Every structure is written in C-alpha cells, then in structure tokens.
C-alpha cells in the first residue's frame, strides 16, 4: 500500500526569521503548506519569497480579538498547525502591541486548533519562559518562570501564551507540543533581529561586553526540531531548543573571530550597565522615542540565561550545529544581500 499522504500544515508567522526556515523544511519533507502572514507584511528576501514557493499564502491578522469571527476558514483542510507568529520586541519594555501580538494571536491560533481535523498543534515559544541557570547547572523545562522581574512585555506575554496552550491541553486534550528556542542565529535574518548582533560587532559599535550570557542555537536546527514535533514529542510537553551556553565575552570573541574583527575589550560591570540603562530610560522619557537600550535590557544582560536542550535532543532529534557555522552562514548571507558595507 502507498504511504498515507502527509497532512497540510498551516504555519503562522511564515515570513519571519524562523518562519521562512520552517516553510523550507516542511517543503523539503514534501508537506503541503499553507502560510498565514499579516496583511501588508514585507515580502523580504530572507529566503525565496513566499509567493514564489509551491504553497498557499493567506493574509490575515490573528492578533485582534475581532479576528475570531472571520477565521474559521483558515485551517480548513489542514491536519496540523505550527504557530510561530510573535513579536520579539523588547524596546520599549512595556508595549501593548507586543502583548496583543503574542497573547491575542495565540488565543486565536488555539481557536483554529480546536477545529475538526487538527491532529497536532505546535506552539513556538521562547526558552525565556523558564527559569535560567548557570553554565555548570543550566536551566531546563522544569524551572519556574524567572523573567517577571525584568518588566518586559515580551517575556511576560510569551509566558502567558504558553500557559494558554498548556491550559488547553489540560482542559480540552488539545494535541499540542510546545517548543522554546533560545537565541537563534543563521542565514535569512532579513530585518534583522538576532543577527543585528553580528552587524554591530562587525562595525565595532560594541566597545564592551556585559557580564551575563545566554544560549545560542542555529535557526535551521530549530526548524528541524519544530517540524519533527509534528510527529515526535509528547503532547503537553515543552522542549527547549538550544545548543551552546556562552558568556557574552565568550560569544563576542567567538563571533568576532568568525567575522575577522577585534572583539570588545572592556567588561561592563552591572552597576555600569544599570546606570547606562537608566540613562537611556530618561532619554526615552524626554524624547518620547526608545533609546538604544533600556534598563530592562541591561538587567537581562547582567544575568546568565543558560539552558540545556537535552530533552529536545533526545525526544525531538534536535540537531546541534556548531554556533561558529551559524555565525559564518549568517554573515555570508548578510554580505550577499548588501547588509555589510
């Protein structure tokens, strides 16, 4: 007997950094794909333009509460949903639009997931919804949320959205698996988002480094594990998708070595970083515009946001591409697309 046809997968946030890689990975495995993008979203060249791919493209804004009345058709004929739409903005720290995008859109994505025929819902969160640890004892999926102290709507809204999905699993037996990437690097970051770090280091605009750190992962590894979650992983479980835990000093030296530039030389002790963040807050209040950073961002940078991805490696077959390769591929893409002068 011929194998059963693969289910059509609906992908939200498909024109984002991770979303483009998810679409490419699904197509590589011969899944039929329907994507959901907000009306007027830029058709960036992060990967081949969505319109040029053999997929269905639907324009629809999932975030507004009014969307629920007109969205029932979006998942018709689909067997699975990957909800990757999110806004990862952290400046300003408090922003109702971020909450609407991350929490409101998840509420509506769950409404689609409750329709008949949806056999798997994969929610893409962030590792920041868990408690972080040290490099010697990194945080995992069992640690309670520790980010509320920062006052960032991004982190708080992603934790609230995670709780919505978990509640739907517990109360309604929603067939959901939750994946939580760390800091993603790799090619195709058109806006750019996380890749802005590479451009800043290459331009020599970072004279110092904070004393904290974080976990880094190749965006393609995240795409592979997220698509694997359609058929692997346990319903109701969360999986951190990460790889290398590096202090900012270690990360900046690694990245600068790949880029062929000198790394930042000076450590920024927490009091110095906090003073700079407070000064930026004052500037933002006086001008009415976000400054380069804010005090919440500097507080995050002072801490070590280290995680282990052991669970995802075991249950979702998460690859572990070296971060040097992720940096090299990202920078090569930036040069090819004229981001580097």
C-alpha atoms as a PDB file:
ATOM      1  CA  UNK A   1       0.000   0.000   0.000  1.00  0.00           C
ATOM      2  CA  UNK A   2       1.237   3.526  -0.757  1.00  0.00           C
ATOM      3  CA  UNK A   3       2.085   5.647   2.304  1.00  0.00           C
ATOM      4  CA  UNK A   4      -0.653   7.881   3.664  1.00  0.00           C
ATOM      5  CA  UNK A   5      -0.464  11.449   2.348  1.00  0.00           C
ATOM      6  CA  UNK A   6       1.144  13.966   4.639  1.00  0.00           C
ATOM      7  CA  UNK A   7      -1.237  16.430   6.302  1.00  0.00           C
ATOM      8  CA  UNK A   8      -1.414  20.021   5.158  1.00  0.00           C
ATOM      9  CA  UNK A   9       0.380  22.224   7.695  1.00  0.00           C
ATOM     10  CA  UNK A  10      -0.706  25.780   8.477  1.00  0.00           C
ATOM     11  CA  UNK A  11       2.225  27.985   9.524  1.00  0.00           C
ATOM     12  CA  UNK A  12       1.652  31.335  11.208  1.00  0.00           C
ATOM     13  CA  UNK A  13       4.406  33.947  11.127  1.00  0.00           C
ATOM     14  CA  UNK A  14       5.761  32.358   7.982  1.00  0.00           C
ATOM     15  CA  UNK A  15       7.657  35.427   6.765  1.00  0.00           C
ATOM     16  CA  UNK A  16       9.659  35.805   9.968  1.00  0.00           C
ATOM     17  CA  UNK A  17      13.229  34.654  10.548  1.00  0.00           C
ATOM     18  CA  UNK A  18      12.258  31.226  11.863  1.00  0.00           C
ATOM     19  CA  UNK A  19       9.056  31.040   9.820  1.00  0.00           C
ATOM     20  CA  UNK A  20      10.878  31.072   6.491  1.00  0.00           C
ATOM     21  CA  UNK A  21      13.083  28.199   7.635  1.00  0.00           C
ATOM     22  CA  UNK A  22      10.034  26.275   8.827  1.00  0.00           C
ATOM     23  CA  UNK A  23       8.389  26.608   5.420  1.00  0.00           C
ATOM     24  CA  UNK A  24      11.564  25.469   3.658  1.00  0.00           C
ATOM     25  CA  UNK A  25      11.913  22.471   5.986  1.00  0.00           C
ATOM     26  CA  UNK A  26       8.284  21.443   5.514  1.00  0.00           C
ATOM     27  CA  UNK A  27       8.634  21.644   1.732  1.00  0.00           C
ATOM     28  CA  UNK A  28      11.869  19.650   1.884  1.00  0.00           C
ATOM     29  CA  UNK A  29       9.878  16.867   3.538  1.00  0.00           C
ATOM     30  CA  UNK A  30       7.035  17.170   0.983  1.00  0.00           C
ATOM     31  CA  UNK A  31       4.392  18.527   3.367  1.00  0.00           C
ATOM     32  CA  UNK A  32       1.625  20.567   1.722  1.00  0.00           C
ATOM     33  CA  UNK A  33       1.904  24.042   3.259  1.00  0.00           C
ATOM     34  CA  UNK A  34      -0.461  26.936   3.865  1.00  0.00           C
ATOM     35  CA  UNK A  35       1.021  30.047   5.431  1.00  0.00           C
ATOM     36  CA  UNK A  36      -0.546  32.895   7.316  1.00  0.00           C
ATOM     37  CA  UNK A  37       1.008  36.367   7.171  1.00  0.00           C
ATOM     38  CA  UNK A  38      -0.268  39.723   8.315  1.00  0.00           C
ATOM     39  CA  UNK A  39      -1.707  41.955   5.571  1.00  0.00           C
ATOM     40  CA  UNK A  40       0.950  44.268   4.227  1.00  0.00           C
ATOM     41  CA  UNK A  41       3.834  42.275   5.688  1.00  0.00           C
ATOM     42  CA  UNK A  42       7.031  42.928   3.742  1.00  0.00           C
ATOM     43  CA  UNK A  43       7.878  40.141   1.297  1.00  0.00           C
ATOM     44  CA  UNK A  44      11.520  40.149   2.330  1.00  0.00           C
ATOM     45  CA  UNK A  45      14.205  38.171   0.542  1.00  0.00           C
ATOM     46  CA  UNK A  46      15.122  36.274   3.689  1.00  0.00           C
ATOM     47  CA  UNK A  47      14.628  33.042   1.812  1.00  0.00           C
ATOM     48  CA  UNK A  48      12.871  32.624  -1.559  1.00  0.00           C
ATOM     49  CA  UNK A  49       9.837  34.965  -1.488  1.00  0.00           C
ATOM     50  CA  UNK A  50       6.757  33.175  -0.239  1.00  0.00           C
ATOM     51  CA  UNK A  51       4.865  33.963  -3.426  1.00  0.00           C
ATOM     52  CA  UNK A  52       7.461  32.020  -5.433  1.00  0.00           C
ATOM     53  CA  UNK A  53       7.069  28.826  -3.394  1.00  0.00           C
ATOM     54  CA  UNK A  54       4.576  25.991  -4.016  1.00  0.00           C
ATOM     55  CA  UNK A  55       2.438  26.966  -1.019  1.00  0.00           C
ATOM     56  CA  UNK A  56      -0.859  28.665  -0.243  1.00  0.00           C
ATOM     57  CA  UNK A  57      -0.446  32.195   1.108  1.00  0.00           C
ATOM     58  CA  UNK A  58      -3.221  33.746   3.217  1.00  0.00           C
ATOM     59  CA  UNK A  59      -3.112  37.308   4.518  1.00  0.00           C
ATOM     60  CA  UNK A  60      -4.771  37.610   7.898  1.00  0.00           C
ATOM     61  CA  UNK A  61      -4.017  39.349  11.194  1.00  0.00           C
ATOM     62  CA  UNK A  62      -4.512  36.861  14.005  1.00  0.00           C
ATOM     63  CA  UNK A  63      -3.923  39.331  16.799  1.00  0.00           C
ATOM     64  CA  UNK A  64      -7.150  41.407  17.069  1.00  0.00           C
ATOM     65  CA  UNK A  65      -9.979  39.978  19.148  1.00  0.00           C
ATOM     66  CA  UNK A  66     -12.322  40.587  16.216  1.00  0.00           C
ATOM     67  CA  UNK A  67     -10.360  38.073  14.139  1.00  0.00           C
ATOM     68  CA  UNK A  68     -12.113  35.116  15.718  1.00  0.00           C
ATOM     69  CA  UNK A  69     -15.348  35.878  13.883  1.00  0.00           C
ATOM     70  CA  UNK A  70     -13.752  35.609  10.447  1.00  0.00           C
ATOM     71  CA  UNK A  71     -11.049  32.974  10.816  1.00  0.00           C
ATOM     72  CA  UNK A  72     -12.825  29.626  10.678  1.00  0.00           C
ATOM     73  CA  UNK A  73     -11.811  29.000   7.061  1.00  0.00           C
ATOM     74  CA  UNK A  74      -8.072  29.475   7.600  1.00  0.00           C
ATOM     75  CA  UNK A  75      -7.329  25.978   8.876  1.00  0.00           C
ATOM     76  CA  UNK A  76      -9.880  24.177   6.700  1.00  0.00           C
ATOM     77  CA  UNK A  77      -8.262  21.122   5.127  1.00  0.00           C
ATOM     78  CA  UNK A  78      -5.224  21.273   7.406  1.00  0.00           C
ATOM     79  CA  UNK A  79      -4.140  18.483   9.711  1.00  0.00           C
ATOM     80  CA  UNK A  80      -1.609  20.433  11.761  1.00  0.00           C
ATOM     81  CA  UNK A  81      -0.714  23.984  12.807  1.00  0.00           C
ATOM     82  CA  UNK A  82       2.676  25.453  13.651  1.00  0.00           C
ATOM     83  CA  UNK A  83       2.076  28.724  15.471  1.00  0.00           C
ATOM     84  CA  UNK A  84       5.300  30.691  15.075  1.00  0.00           C
ATOM     85  CA  UNK A  85       3.872  34.221  14.818  1.00  0.00           C
ATOM     86  CA  UNK A  86       5.242  36.513  17.524  1.00  0.00           C
ATOM     87  CA  UNK A  87       6.741  39.923  18.146  1.00  0.00           C
ATOM     88  CA  UNK A  88      10.077  39.715  19.969  1.00  0.00           C
ATOM     89  CA  UNK A  89      10.481  43.441  20.554  1.00  0.00           C
ATOM     90  CA  UNK A  90      11.936  44.409  23.948  1.00  0.00           C
ATOM     91  CA  UNK A  91      12.355  48.170  23.470  1.00  0.00           C
ATOM     92  CA  UNK A  92      10.276  49.801  24.894  1.00  0.00           C
ATOM     93  CA  UNK A  93       9.952  47.281  27.696  1.00  0.00           C
ATOM     94  CA  UNK A  94       6.215  47.821  28.050  1.00  0.00           C
ATOM     95  CA  UNK A  95       4.261  47.755  24.808  1.00  0.00           C
ATOM     96  CA  UNK A  96       0.573  46.754  24.471  1.00  0.00           C
ATOM     97  CA  UNK A  97       1.157  45.871  20.807  1.00  0.00           C
ATOM     98  CA  UNK A  98       3.582  43.141  21.857  1.00  0.00           C
ATOM     99  CA  UNK A  99       1.034  41.668  24.255  1.00  0.00           C
ATOM    100  CA  UNK A 100      -1.664  41.772  21.563  1.00  0.00           C
ATOM    101  CA  UNK A 101       0.589  40.095  19.014  1.00  0.00           C
ATOM    102  CA  UNK A 102       1.846  37.352  21.313  1.00  0.00           C
ATOM    103  CA  UNK A 103      -1.145  36.661  23.521  1.00  0.00           C
ATOM    104  CA  UNK A 104      -4.063  37.639  21.292  1.00  0.00           C
ATOM    105  CA  UNK A 105      -2.688  35.786  18.285  1.00  0.00           C
ATOM    106  CA  UNK A 106      -2.143  32.650  20.372  1.00  0.00           C
ATOM    107  CA  UNK A 107      -5.741  32.779  21.612  1.00  0.00           C
ATOM    108  CA  UNK A 108      -6.945  32.858  18.007  1.00  0.00           C
ATOM    109  CA  UNK A 109      -4.471  30.191  16.880  1.00  0.00           C
ATOM    110  CA  UNK A 110      -5.907  27.937  19.586  1.00  0.00           C
ATOM    111  CA  UNK A 111      -9.389  28.576  18.226  1.00  0.00           C
ATOM    112  CA  UNK A 112      -8.207  27.272  14.863  1.00  0.00           C
ATOM    113  CA  UNK A 113      -6.564  24.286  16.551  1.00  0.00           C
ATOM    114  CA  UNK A 114      -9.892  23.266  18.089  1.00  0.00           C
ATOM    115  CA  UNK A 115     -11.479  22.732  14.693  1.00  0.00           C
ATOM    116  CA  UNK A 116     -12.088  19.160  13.492  1.00  0.00           C
ATOM    117  CA  UNK A 117      -9.183  17.582  11.631  1.00  0.00           C
ATOM    118  CA  UNK A 118      -6.314  19.260  13.516  1.00  0.00           C
ATOM    119  CA  UNK A 119      -4.229  16.409  14.906  1.00  0.00           C
ATOM    120  CA  UNK A 120      -1.201  18.367  16.112  1.00  0.00           C
ATOM    121  CA  UNK A 121      -0.638  21.957  17.261  1.00  0.00           C
ATOM    122  CA  UNK A 122       2.990  23.033  17.650  1.00  0.00           C
ATOM    123  CA  UNK A 123       3.436  26.225  19.631  1.00  0.00           C
ATOM    124  CA  UNK A 124       6.718  28.128  19.228  1.00  0.00           C
ATOM    125  CA  UNK A 125       7.572  29.937  22.434  1.00  0.00           C
ATOM    126  CA  UNK A 126      10.890  31.028  23.929  1.00  0.00           C
ATOM    127  CA  UNK A 127      13.247  29.490  26.459  1.00  0.00           C
ATOM    128  CA  UNK A 128      12.876  32.684  28.490  1.00  0.00           C
ATOM    129  CA  UNK A 129       9.562  31.394  29.871  1.00  0.00           C
ATOM    130  CA  UNK A 130      11.567  29.041  32.113  1.00  0.00           C
ATOM    131  CA  UNK A 131      14.000  29.669  34.921  1.00  0.00           C
ATOM    132  CA  UNK A 132      17.566  30.027  33.715  1.00  0.00           C
ATOM    133  CA  UNK A 133      20.648  28.584  35.376  1.00  0.00           C
ATOM    134  CA  UNK A 134      24.417  28.713  35.358  1.00  0.00           C
ATOM    135  CA  UNK A 135      26.767  27.268  32.772  1.00  0.00           C
ATOM    136  CA  UNK A 136      27.523  24.450  35.201  1.00  0.00           C
ATOM    137  CA  UNK A 137      23.834  23.853  36.036  1.00  0.00           C
ATOM    138  CA  UNK A 138      21.746  25.279  33.187  1.00  0.00           C
ATOM    139  CA  UNK A 139      18.010  25.769  33.408  1.00  0.00           C
ATOM    140  CA  UNK A 140      15.541  23.283  31.958  1.00  0.00           C
ATOM    141  CA  UNK A 141      11.817  22.890  31.295  1.00  0.00           C
ATOM    142  CA  UNK A 142      11.045  22.158  34.954  1.00  0.00           C
ATOM    143  CA  UNK A 143      12.241  25.503  36.317  1.00  0.00           C
ATOM    144  CA  UNK A 144       9.536  28.095  37.021  1.00  0.00           C
ATOM    145  CA  UNK A 145       9.435  31.362  35.110  1.00  0.00           C
ATOM    146  CA  UNK A 146      12.071  33.779  36.405  1.00  0.00           C
ATOM    147  CA  UNK A 147      11.698  36.637  33.927  1.00  0.00           C
ATOM    148  CA  UNK A 148       8.898  38.612  35.541  1.00  0.00           C
ATOM    149  CA  UNK A 149      11.440  40.639  37.487  1.00  0.00           C
ATOM    150  CA  UNK A 150      12.600  42.343  34.287  1.00  0.00           C
ATOM    151  CA  UNK A 151       9.311  44.033  33.434  1.00  0.00           C
ATOM    152  CA  UNK A 152       9.403  43.042  29.754  1.00  0.00           C
ATOM    153  CA  UNK A 153       6.071  42.610  27.996  1.00  0.00           C
ATOM    154  CA  UNK A 154       7.748  40.265  25.528  1.00  0.00           C
ATOM    155  CA  UNK A 155       8.742  37.712  28.167  1.00  0.00           C
ATOM    156  CA  UNK A 156       5.563  38.115  30.192  1.00  0.00           C
ATOM    157  CA  UNK A 157       3.293  37.758  27.149  1.00  0.00           C
ATOM    158  CA  UNK A 158       5.118  34.645  25.940  1.00  0.00           C
ATOM    159  CA  UNK A 159       4.786  33.076  29.388  1.00  0.00           C
ATOM    160  CA  UNK A 160       1.061  33.918  29.386  1.00  0.00           C
ATOM    161  CA  UNK A 161       0.671  32.445  25.892  1.00  0.00           C
ATOM    162  CA  UNK A 162       2.495  29.287  26.990  1.00  0.00           C
ATOM    163  CA  UNK A 163       0.072  28.970  29.890  1.00  0.00           C
ATOM    164  CA  UNK A 164      -2.872  29.306  27.484  1.00  0.00           C
ATOM    165  CA  UNK A 165      -1.622  26.381  25.430  1.00  0.00           C
ATOM    166  CA  UNK A 166      -0.946  24.234  28.484  1.00  0.00           C
ATOM    167  CA  UNK A 167      -4.428  25.002  29.828  1.00  0.00           C
ATOM    168  CA  UNK A 168      -5.972  23.906  26.529  1.00  0.00           C
ATOM    169  CA  UNK A 169      -4.049  20.635  26.753  1.00  0.00           C
ATOM    170  CA  UNK A 170      -5.178  20.021  30.334  1.00  0.00           C
ATOM    171  CA  UNK A 171      -8.826  21.018  29.928  1.00  0.00           C
ATOM    172  CA  UNK A 172      -9.577  20.061  26.332  1.00  0.00           C
ATOM    173  CA  UNK A 173      -6.943  17.431  25.500  1.00  0.00           C
ATOM    174  CA  UNK A 174      -5.609  19.696  22.751  1.00  0.00           C
ATOM    175  CA  UNK A 175      -2.881  17.732  20.915  1.00  0.00           C
ATOM    176  CA  UNK A 176      -0.205  20.382  21.439  1.00  0.00           C
ATOM    177  CA  UNK A 177       3.566  20.195  21.692  1.00  0.00           C
ATOM    178  CA  UNK A 178       5.482  23.297  22.792  1.00  0.00           C
ATOM    179  CA  UNK A 179       8.957  24.199  21.541  1.00  0.00           C
ATOM    180  CA  UNK A 180      11.022  27.014  23.043  1.00  0.00           C
ATOM    181  CA  UNK A 181      14.061  28.270  21.095  1.00  0.00           C
ATOM    182  CA  UNK A 182      16.949  30.124  22.662  1.00  0.00           C
ATOM    183  CA  UNK A 183      18.861  32.859  20.756  1.00  0.00           C
ATOM    184  CA  UNK A 184      18.761  31.911  17.081  1.00  0.00           C
ATOM    185  CA  UNK A 185      21.491  32.713  14.563  1.00  0.00           C
ATOM    186  CA  UNK A 186      21.803  31.761  10.910  1.00  0.00           C
ATOM    187  CA  UNK A 187      21.102  32.932   7.365  1.00  0.00           C
ATOM    188  CA  UNK A 188      17.989  34.782   6.267  1.00  0.00           C
ATOM    189  CA  UNK A 189      17.521  37.264   9.115  1.00  0.00           C
ATOM    190  CA  UNK A 190      16.239  39.992   6.843  1.00  0.00           C
ATOM    191  CA  UNK A 191      15.007  42.576   9.332  1.00  0.00           C
ATOM    192  CA  UNK A 192      17.488  41.819  11.076  1.00  0.00           C
ATOM    193  CA  UNK A 193      16.600  40.561  14.566  1.00  0.00           C
ATOM    194  CA  UNK A 194      19.137  38.418  16.422  1.00  0.00           C
ATOM    195  CA  UNK A 195      21.550  38.865  13.526  1.00  0.00           C
ATOM    196  CA  UNK A 196      21.854  42.552  14.392  1.00  0.00           C
ATOM    197  CA  UNK A 197      24.418  41.470  16.982  1.00  0.00           C
ATOM    198  CA  UNK A 198      26.741  40.299  14.201  1.00  0.00           C
ATOM    199  CA  UNK A 199      26.392  43.568  12.316  1.00  0.00           C
ATOM    200  CA  UNK A 200      27.099  45.617  15.438  1.00  0.00           C
ATOM    201  CA  UNK A 201      30.197  43.579  16.241  1.00  0.00           C
ATOM    202  CA  UNK A 202      31.449  43.797  12.663  1.00  0.00           C
ATOM    203  CA  UNK A 203      31.029  47.571  12.677  1.00  0.00           C
ATOM    204  CA  UNK A 204      32.866  47.916  16.002  1.00  0.00           C
ATOM    205  CA  UNK A 205      29.920  49.560  17.712  1.00  0.00           C
ATOM    206  CA  UNK A 206      30.124  47.438  20.883  1.00  0.00           C
ATOM    207  CA  UNK A 207      33.062  48.670  22.951  1.00  0.00           C
ATOM    208  CA  UNK A 208      32.303  46.431  25.934  1.00  0.00           C
ATOM    209  CA  UNK A 209      30.525  43.266  26.988  1.00  0.00           C
ATOM    210  CA  UNK A 210      28.065  42.646  29.843  1.00  0.00           C
ATOM    211  CA  UNK A 211      28.881  40.021  32.440  1.00  0.00           C
ATOM    212  CA  UNK A 212      25.931  37.735  31.727  1.00  0.00           C
ATOM    213  CA  UNK A 213      25.396  35.289  28.906  1.00  0.00           C
ATOM    214  CA  UNK A 214      22.878  33.173  27.033  1.00  0.00           C
ATOM    215  CA  UNK A 215      22.298  30.034  24.994  1.00  0.00           C
ATOM    216  CA  UNK A 216      22.712  30.108  21.203  1.00  0.00           C
ATOM    217  CA  UNK A 217      21.290  27.811  18.506  1.00  0.00           C
ATOM    218  CA  UNK A 218      21.284  27.596  14.703  1.00  0.00           C
ATOM    219  CA  UNK A 219      17.906  28.641  13.307  1.00  0.00           C
ATOM    220  CA  UNK A 220      17.871  25.648  10.964  1.00  0.00           C
ATOM    221  CA  UNK A 221      18.258  23.287  13.924  1.00  0.00           C
ATOM    222  CA  UNK A 222      15.203  24.934  15.471  1.00  0.00           C
ATOM    223  CA  UNK A 223      13.262  24.486  12.218  1.00  0.00           C
ATOM    224  CA  UNK A 224      14.174  20.788  12.038  1.00  0.00           C
ATOM    225  CA  UNK A 225      13.120  20.079  15.630  1.00  0.00           C
ATOM    226  CA  UNK A 226       9.922  22.112  15.266  1.00  0.00           C
ATOM    227  CA  UNK A 227       8.860  20.145  12.193  1.00  0.00           C
ATOM    228  CA  UNK A 228       9.864  16.950  13.993  1.00  0.00           C
ATOM    229  CA  UNK A 229       7.380  17.940  16.708  1.00  0.00           C
ATOM    230  CA  UNK A 230       4.571  17.282  14.235  1.00  0.00           C
ATOM    231  CA  UNK A 231       5.224  13.570  14.703  1.00  0.00           C
ATOM    232  CA  UNK A 232       7.600  13.364  17.678  1.00  0.00           C
ATOM    233  CA  UNK A 233       7.442  14.543  21.237  1.00  0.00           C
ATOM    234  CA  UNK A 234       4.790  14.098  23.873  1.00  0.00           C
ATOM    235  CA  UNK A 235       1.518  16.032  23.893  1.00  0.00           C
ATOM    236  CA  UNK A 236       1.544  18.719  26.560  1.00  0.00           C
ATOM    237  CA  UNK A 237       5.320  18.721  26.899  1.00  0.00           C
ATOM    238  CA  UNK A 238       7.661  21.681  26.460  1.00  0.00           C
ATOM    239  CA  UNK A 239      11.063  21.397  24.791  1.00  0.00           C
ATOM    240  CA  UNK A 240      13.880  23.931  24.975  1.00  0.00           C
ATOM    241  CA  UNK A 241      15.618  24.186  21.581  1.00  0.00           C
ATOM    242  CA  UNK A 242      19.156  25.367  22.187  1.00  0.00           C
ATOM    243  CA  UNK A 243      22.805  24.443  21.866  1.00  0.00           C
ATOM    244  CA  UNK A 244      25.816  26.338  23.249  1.00  0.00           C
ATOM    245  CA  UNK A 245      25.874  28.264  26.535  1.00  0.00           C
ATOM    246  CA  UNK A 246      28.288  31.170  26.224  1.00  0.00           C
ATOM    247  CA  UNK A 247      29.051  34.203  28.361  1.00  0.00           C
ATOM    248  CA  UNK A 248      28.882  37.435  26.395  1.00  0.00           C
ATOM    249  CA  UNK A 249      32.645  37.612  26.483  1.00  0.00           C
ATOM    250  CA  UNK A 250      32.902  34.097  25.046  1.00  0.00           C
ATOM    251  CA  UNK A 251      30.187  34.747  22.467  1.00  0.00           C
ATOM    252  CA  UNK A 252      31.632  38.065  21.321  1.00  0.00           C
ATOM    253  CA  UNK A 253      35.087  36.528  20.977  1.00  0.00           C
ATOM    254  CA  UNK A 254      33.678  33.583  19.007  1.00  0.00           C
ATOM    255  CA  UNK A 255      31.626  35.799  16.696  1.00  0.00           C
ATOM    256  CA  UNK A 256      34.402  38.335  16.200  1.00  0.00           C
ATOM    257  CA  UNK A 257      36.806  35.532  15.337  1.00  0.00           C
ATOM    258  CA  UNK A 258      34.478  34.293  12.588  1.00  0.00           C
ATOM    259  CA  UNK A 259      33.946  37.845  11.293  1.00  0.00           C
ATOM    260  CA  UNK A 260      37.653  38.684  11.393  1.00  0.00           C
ATOM    261  CA  UNK A 261      37.339  41.698  13.695  1.00  0.00           C
ATOM    262  CA  UNK A 262      38.591  42.546  17.169  1.00  0.00           C
ATOM    263  CA  UNK A 263      36.182  41.633  19.980  1.00  0.00           C
ATOM    264  CA  UNK A 264      35.007  44.222  22.507  1.00  0.00           C
ATOM    265  CA  UNK A 265      37.700  44.756  25.117  1.00  0.00           C
ATOM    266  CA  UNK A 266      36.036  46.143  28.205  1.00  0.00           C
ATOM    267  CA  UNK A 267      33.781  44.358  30.702  1.00  0.00           C
ATOM    268  CA  UNK A 268      30.679  46.273  31.756  1.00  0.00           C
ATOM    269  CA  UNK A 269      30.050  45.548  35.458  1.00  0.00           C
ATOM    270  CA  UNK A 270      26.364  45.503  36.452  1.00  0.00           C
ATOM    271  CA  UNK A 271      26.453  48.959  38.107  1.00  0.00           C
ATOM    272  CA  UNK A 272      27.834  50.477  34.913  1.00  0.00           C
ATOM    273  CA  UNK A 273      25.324  48.630  32.731  1.00  0.00           C
ATOM    274  CA  UNK A 274      22.459  49.589  35.040  1.00  0.00           C
ATOM    275  CA  UNK A 275      23.493  53.265  35.037  1.00  0.00           C
ATOM    276  CA  UNK A 276      23.561  53.248  31.229  1.00  0.00           C
ATOM    277  CA  UNK A 277      20.145  51.592  31.094  1.00  0.00           C
ATOM    278  CA  UNK A 278      18.682  54.172  33.479  1.00  0.00           C
ATOM    279  CA  UNK A 279      20.157  56.987  31.410  1.00  0.00           C
ATOM    280  CA  UNK A 280      18.564  55.504  28.296  1.00  0.00           C
ATOM    281  CA  UNK A 281      15.212  55.311  30.101  1.00  0.00           C
ATOM    282  CA  UNK A 282      15.470  59.009  30.953  1.00  0.00           C
ATOM    283  CA  UNK A 283      16.348  59.871  27.364  1.00  0.00           C
ATOM    284  CA  UNK A 284      13.342  57.892  26.117  1.00  0.00           C
ATOM    285  CA  UNK A 285      11.006  59.732  28.511  1.00  0.00           C
ATOM    286  CA  UNK A 286      12.359  63.115  27.451  1.00  0.00           C
ATOM    287  CA  UNK A 287      12.258  62.443  23.708  1.00  0.00           C
ATOM    288  CA  UNK A 288       9.227  60.155  23.519  1.00  0.00           C
ATOM    289  CA  UNK A 289      11.273  57.653  21.490  1.00  0.00           C
ATOM    290  CA  UNK A 290      13.024  54.435  22.564  1.00  0.00           C
ATOM    291  CA  UNK A 291      16.730  54.857  23.219  1.00  0.00           C
ATOM    292  CA  UNK A 292      19.392  52.354  22.164  1.00  0.00           C
ATOM    293  CA  UNK A 293      18.599  50.090  25.125  1.00  0.00           C
ATOM    294  CA  UNK A 294      16.512  50.280  28.304  1.00  0.00           C
ATOM    295  CA  UNK A 295      17.027  49.315  31.928  1.00  0.00           C
ATOM    296  CA  UNK A 296      15.163  46.027  31.456  1.00  0.00           C
ATOM    297  CA  UNK A 297      17.520  45.022  28.658  1.00  0.00           C
ATOM    298  CA  UNK A 298      20.606  45.810  30.719  1.00  0.00           C
ATOM    299  CA  UNK A 299      19.187  43.821  33.644  1.00  0.00           C
ATOM    300  CA  UNK A 300      18.764  40.831  31.344  1.00  0.00           C
ATOM    301  CA  UNK A 301      22.317  41.247  30.033  1.00  0.00           C
ATOM    302  CA  UNK A 302      23.698  41.161  33.575  1.00  0.00           C
ATOM    303  CA  UNK A 303      22.293  37.672  34.136  1.00  0.00           C
ATOM    304  CA  UNK A 304      23.334  34.311  32.746  1.00  0.00           C
ATOM    305  CA  UNK A 305      20.423  32.915  30.736  1.00  0.00           C
ATOM    306  CA  UNK A 306      21.813  29.414  30.334  1.00  0.00           C
ATOM    307  CA  UNK A 307      19.691  26.396  29.371  1.00  0.00           C
ATOM    308  CA  UNK A 308      20.036  22.736  28.490  1.00  0.00           C
ATOM    309  CA  UNK A 309      18.398  21.225  25.401  1.00  0.00           C
ATOM    310  CA  UNK A 310      18.959  17.618  26.473  1.00  0.00           C
ATOM    311  CA  UNK A 311      15.247  16.797  26.426  1.00  0.00           C
ATOM    312  CA  UNK A 312      14.777  18.105  22.875  1.00  0.00           C
ATOM    313  CA  UNK A 313      17.893  16.323  21.648  1.00  0.00           C
ATOM    314  CA  UNK A 314      16.512  13.061  22.983  1.00  0.00           C
ATOM    315  CA  UNK A 315      12.819  13.367  22.078  1.00  0.00           C
ATOM    316  CA  UNK A 316      12.743  15.740  19.075  1.00  0.00           C
ATOM    317  CA  UNK A 317      16.074  14.771  17.462  1.00  0.00           C
ATOM    318  CA  UNK A 318      17.268  18.376  17.782  1.00  0.00           C
ATOM    319  CA  UNK A 319      20.473  18.817  15.717  1.00  0.00           C
ATOM    320  CA  UNK A 320      23.443  20.606  17.274  1.00  0.00           C
ATOM    321  CA  UNK A 321      25.151  22.594  14.540  1.00  0.00           C
ATOM    322  CA  UNK A 322      28.204  24.476  15.854  1.00  0.00           C
ATOM    323  CA  UNK A 323      27.491  28.140  16.532  1.00  0.00           C
ATOM    324  CA  UNK A 324      30.576  29.098  14.532  1.00  0.00           C
ATOM    325  CA  UNK A 325      28.814  27.655  11.496  1.00  0.00           C
ATOM    326  CA  UNK A 326      25.614  29.553  12.297  1.00  0.00           C
ATOM    327  CA  UNK A 327      27.597  32.797  12.529  1.00  0.00           C
ATOM    328  CA  UNK A 328      29.512  32.127   9.298  1.00  0.00           C
ATOM    329  CA  UNK A 329      26.328  31.327   7.368  1.00  0.00           C
ATOM    330  CA  UNK A 330      24.531  34.356   8.793  1.00  0.00           C
ATOM    331  CA  UNK A 331      27.336  36.745   7.930  1.00  0.00           C
ATOM    332  CA  UNK A 332      27.745  35.291   4.440  1.00  0.00           C
ATOM    333  CA  UNK A 333      24.031  35.884   3.884  1.00  0.00           C
ATOM    334  CA  UNK A 334      24.316  39.476   5.141  1.00  0.00           C
ATOM    335  CA  UNK A 335      27.198  40.136   2.739  1.00  0.00           C
ATOM    336  CA  UNK A 336      25.359  38.583  -0.199  1.00  0.00           C
ATOM    337  CA  UNK A 337      22.318  40.764   0.500  1.00  0.00           C
ATOM    338  CA  UNK A 338      24.283  44.018   0.984  1.00  0.00           C
ATOM    339  CA  UNK A 339      23.829  44.425   4.725  1.00  0.00           C
ATOM    340  CA  UNK A 340      27.594  44.785   5.113  1.00  0.00           C
ATOM    341  CA  UNK A 341      29.379  47.733   3.576  1.00  0.00           C
END
